[in-house]
Amino acid sequence: MQRHYVISDYIEGALENAVYDKLEDGSFSGRIPLCTGVIAFATTLRVCESELRSTLEDWIYVGLKMNHKLPVICGIDLNKEPTCDTVGAL
C-alpha cells in the first residue's frame, strides 16, 4: 500500500509552478510566484531546483509555525486544522 502525504503533494504542486531564469553570468534563479519570497540561486539548473525545494520546505515549516496564511496549492489548504478519521474497534 502506497502512503499519501499531503505535505509532499503540496510541495510537488508548488514546484510545478516554479519559474527558472538563466542569468547573464550563466547561473540560474528559481522562484515560485504563489509563494512570496521563495527564491533560489545556483550555478546550475539542477542545483537551483534542489535549492528551491529546500527553500520552499523551510518556508512552509516557518509559515505553519508562525501561523502565516499559506496559499492553497492544488486544492491543498495547509491553513486548515488537520482532521483525523475515526478508526473502528478491532
Protein backbone atom coordinates (compact mmCIF):
# COMPACT_ATOMS: atom_id res chain seq x y z
CA MET A 1 0.00 0.00 0.00
CA GLN A 2 1.44 3.36 -1.02
CA ARG A 3 1.31 6.11 1.61
CA HIS A 4 -0.12 9.51 0.78
CA TYR A 5 1.46 12.59 2.34
CA VAL A 6 -0.36 15.91 1.98
CA ILE A 7 2.77 18.00 2.56
CA SER A 8 4.61 16.15 -0.22
CA ASP A 9 1.73 16.78 -2.63
CA TYR A 10 1.73 20.46 -1.63
CA ILE A 11 5.48 20.76 -2.27
CA GLU A 12 5.26 18.98 -5.63
CA GLY A 13 2.32 21.16 -6.67
CA ALA A 14 4.19 24.33 -5.73
CA LEU A 15 7.30 23.20 -7.60
CA GLU A 16 5.20 22.59 -10.72
CA ASN A 17 4.61 26.36 -10.71
CA ALA A 18 8.30 27.23 -10.38
CA VAL A 19 9.82 29.69 -12.82
CA TYR A 20 13.51 29.45 -13.69
CA ASP A 21 15.68 32.04 -15.42
CA LYS A 22 19.18 31.83 -16.76
CA LEU A 23 21.07 34.91 -15.61
CA GLU A 24 23.63 36.94 -17.56
CA ASP A 25 26.54 35.25 -15.78
CA GLY A 26 25.25 31.77 -16.76
CA SER A 27 23.87 30.95 -13.31
CA PHE A 28 20.19 30.29 -12.59
CA SER A 29 17.46 31.72 -10.42
CA GLY A 30 14.26 29.98 -9.47
CA ARG A 31 11.12 31.26 -7.81
CA ILE A 32 7.59 30.15 -7.03
CA PRO A 33 5.21 33.05 -7.74
CA LEU A 34 2.46 31.62 -5.49
CA CYS A 35 4.87 31.53 -2.53
CA THR A 36 6.08 35.05 -1.83
CA GLY A 37 9.78 35.15 -1.02
CA VAL A 38 10.61 31.61 -2.15
CA ILE A 39 13.62 32.12 -4.42
CA ALA A 40 16.91 30.36 -5.02
CA PHE A 41 20.13 30.95 -6.96
CA ALA A 42 22.71 28.43 -8.12
CA THR A 43 25.35 27.82 -10.75
CA THR A 44 23.39 25.02 -12.45
CA LEU A 45 19.70 24.43 -13.08
CA ARG A 46 19.76 21.11 -11.20
CA VAL A 47 21.28 22.71 -8.09
CA CYS A 48 18.85 25.63 -8.38
CA GLU A 49 15.91 23.19 -8.41
CA SER A 50 17.28 21.47 -5.31
CA GLU A 51 17.88 24.77 -3.52
CA LEU A 52 14.38 25.97 -4.43
CA ARG A 53 12.84 22.79 -2.97
CA SER A 54 14.81 23.26 0.26
CA THR A 55 13.83 26.92 0.49
CA LEU A 56 10.17 26.03 -0.11
CA GLU A 57 10.21 23.35 2.60
CA ASP A 58 11.69 25.79 5.12
CA TRP A 59 9.20 28.48 4.07
CA ILE A 60 6.29 26.10 4.64
CA TYR A 61 7.51 24.95 8.06
CA VAL A 62 8.16 28.51 9.25
CA GLY A 63 4.79 29.60 7.88
CA LEU A 64 2.98 26.84 9.72
CA LYS A 65 4.85 27.55 12.96
CA MET A 66 4.19 31.30 12.74
CA ASN A 67 0.55 30.83 11.61
CA HIS A 68 1.15 32.65 8.32
CA LYS A 69 -1.55 32.35 5.68
CA LEU A 70 -0.16 29.91 3.11
CA PRO A 71 -1.55 29.77 -0.43
CA VAL A 72 -3.87 26.96 -1.43
CA ILE A 73 -1.99 24.84 -3.98
CA CYS A 74 -3.57 22.02 -6.00
CA GLY A 75 -6.61 22.28 -3.74
CA ILE A 76 -4.48 21.66 -0.64
CA ASP A 77 -5.11 24.16 2.15
CA LEU A 78 -2.46 23.83 4.86
CA ASN A 79 -4.17 26.57 6.86
CA LYS A 80 -6.94 24.22 7.99
CA GLU A 81 -6.73 22.20 11.18
CA PRO A 82 -5.95 18.58 10.37
CA THR A 83 -8.77 16.11 10.77
CA CYS A 84 -8.43 12.51 11.81
CA ASP A 85 -10.57 9.72 10.51
CA THR A 86 -12.06 7.61 13.24
CA VAL A 87 -10.92 4.04 13.32
CA GLY A 88 -13.36 1.33 14.25
CA ALA A 89 -12.64 -1.08 17.07
CA LEU A 90 -10.65 -4.14 16.12
